[in-house]
Amino acid sequence: MIDDARSRSEKHAEISARAQDAAKIEQVLNEVARKTVQEHARAGRKIPVWRDGQVVWILPEIEDDGEK
């Protein structure tokens, strides 16, 4: 019984630690997505987006992100 409680406590602590990383993970994923869209825009390639219940291909606009 004590082992079960400790095991649950350890699992809870691990889940809590990972949840704290979620904001950082989301930030990194958003940055990667933004850079990828900009790369496609510079190369003149279309990207798929979800609109009105279907996938449509659009040519993204180039944003000035300060990078060269």
C-alpha atoms as a PDB file:
ATOM      1  CA  MET A   1       0.000   0.000   0.000  1.00  0.00           C
ATOM      2  CA  ILE A   2       2.805   2.434   0.864  1.00  0.00           C
ATOM      3  CA  ASP A   3       4.561   1.573  -2.392  1.00  0.00           C
ATOM      4  CA  ASP A   4       1.367   2.335  -4.324  1.00  0.00           C
ATOM      5  CA  ALA A   5       1.029   5.735  -2.639  1.00  0.00           C
ATOM      6  CA  ARG A   6       4.667   6.600  -3.325  1.00  0.00           C
ATOM      7  CA  SER A   7       4.349   5.420  -6.893  1.00  0.00           C
ATOM      8  CA  ARG A   8       1.244   7.580  -7.394  1.00  0.00           C
ATOM      9  CA  SER A   9       3.017  10.519  -5.777  1.00  0.00           C
ATOM     10  CA  GLU A  10       6.040  10.115  -8.051  1.00  0.00           C
ATOM     11  CA  LYS A  11       3.819   9.849 -11.113  1.00  0.00           C
ATOM     12  CA  HIS A  12       1.922  12.959 -10.054  1.00  0.00           C
ATOM     13  CA  ALA A  13       5.191  14.869  -9.601  1.00  0.00           C
ATOM     14  CA  GLU A  14       6.397  13.774 -13.044  1.00  0.00           C
ATOM     15  CA  ILE A  15       3.132  14.807 -14.689  1.00  0.00           C
ATOM     16  CA  SER A  16       3.251  18.180 -12.903  1.00  0.00           C
ATOM     17  CA  ALA A  17       6.806  18.789 -14.080  1.00  0.00           C
ATOM     18  CA  ARG A  18       5.898  17.954 -17.649  1.00  0.00           C
ATOM     19  CA  ALA A  19       2.825  20.196 -17.532  1.00  0.00           C
ATOM     20  CA  GLN A  20       5.046  23.101 -16.528  1.00  0.00           C
ATOM     21  CA  ASP A  21       7.037  22.530 -19.706  1.00  0.00           C
ATOM     22  CA  ALA A  22       3.879  22.745 -21.843  1.00  0.00           C
ATOM     23  CA  ALA A  23       4.021  26.544 -22.190  1.00  0.00           C
ATOM     24  CA  LYS A  24       7.642  26.428 -23.337  1.00  0.00           C
ATOM     25  CA  ILE A  25       6.877  23.605 -25.765  1.00  0.00           C
ATOM     26  CA  GLU A  26       3.953  25.574 -27.211  1.00  0.00           C
ATOM     27  CA  GLN A  27       6.151  28.658 -27.588  1.00  0.00           C
ATOM     28  CA  VAL A  28       8.812  26.690 -29.461  1.00  0.00           C
ATOM     29  CA  LEU A  29       6.258  25.000 -31.742  1.00  0.00           C
ATOM     30  CA  ASN A  30       4.667  28.364 -32.601  1.00  0.00           C
ATOM     31  CA  GLU A  31       8.075  29.834 -33.444  1.00  0.00           C
ATOM     32  CA  VAL A  32       8.963  26.865 -35.657  1.00  0.00           C
ATOM     33  CA  ALA A  33       5.604  27.106 -37.433  1.00  0.00           C
ATOM     34  CA  ARG A  34       6.046  30.861 -38.003  1.00  0.00           C
ATOM     35  CA  LYS A  35       9.534  30.371 -39.425  1.00  0.00           C
ATOM     36  CA  THR A  36       8.351  27.531 -41.652  1.00  0.00           C
ATOM     37  CA  VAL A  37       5.511  29.626 -43.064  1.00  0.00           C
ATOM     38  CA  GLN A  38       7.943  32.488 -43.736  1.00  0.00           C
ATOM     39  CA  GLU A  39      10.333  30.106 -45.493  1.00  0.00           C
ATOM     40  CA  HIS A  40       7.522  28.907 -47.748  1.00  0.00           C
ATOM     41  CA  ALA A  41       6.454  32.490 -48.443  1.00  0.00           C
ATOM     42  CA  ARG A  42       9.980  33.524 -49.453  1.00  0.00           C
ATOM     43  CA  ALA A  43      10.241  30.488 -51.744  1.00  0.00           C
ATOM     44  CA  GLY A  44       6.815  31.149 -53.287  1.00  0.00           C
ATOM     45  CA  ARG A  45       5.405  27.843 -52.058  1.00  0.00           C
ATOM     46  CA  LYS A  46       1.808  27.408 -50.966  1.00  0.00           C
ATOM     47  CA  ILE A  47       0.844  25.972 -47.589  1.00  0.00           C
ATOM     48  CA  PRO A  48      -2.241  23.984 -46.584  1.00  0.00           C
ATOM     49  CA  VAL A  49      -4.633  25.626 -44.108  1.00  0.00           C
ATOM     50  CA  TRP A  50      -7.983  24.570 -42.672  1.00  0.00           C
ATOM     51  CA  ARG A  51     -10.859  26.879 -43.683  1.00  0.00           C
ATOM     52  CA  ASP A  52     -14.586  26.335 -43.460  1.00  0.00           C
ATOM     53  CA  GLY A  53     -14.239  22.620 -42.877  1.00  0.00           C
ATOM     54  CA  GLN A  54     -11.799  21.898 -45.668  1.00  0.00           C
ATOM     55  CA  VAL A  55      -8.142  22.126 -46.591  1.00  0.00           C
ATOM     56  CA  VAL A  56      -7.211  24.952 -48.955  1.00  0.00           C
ATOM     57  CA  TRP A  57      -3.783  25.880 -50.306  1.00  0.00           C
ATOM     58  CA  ILE A  58      -2.694  29.486 -49.905  1.00  0.00           C
ATOM     59  CA  LEU A  59       0.411  31.491 -50.672  1.00  0.00           C
ATOM     60  CA  PRO A  60       1.455  32.986 -47.325  1.00  0.00           C
ATOM     61  CA  GLU A  61       2.417  36.641 -47.038  1.00  0.00           C
ATOM     62  CA  ILE A  62       5.962  37.529 -46.129  1.00  0.00           C
ATOM     63  CA  GLU A  63       6.278  39.160 -42.718  1.00  0.00           C
ATOM     64  CA  ASP A  64       9.293  41.248 -41.804  1.00  0.00           C
ATOM     65  CA  ASP A  65      10.677  39.227 -38.894  1.00  0.00           C
ATOM     66  CA  GLY A  66      13.967  41.071 -38.697  1.00  0.00           C
ATOM     67  CA  GLU A  67      15.999  38.081 -39.912  1.00  0.00           C
ATOM     68  CA  LYS A  68      18.087  37.966 -43.044  1.00  0.00           C
END
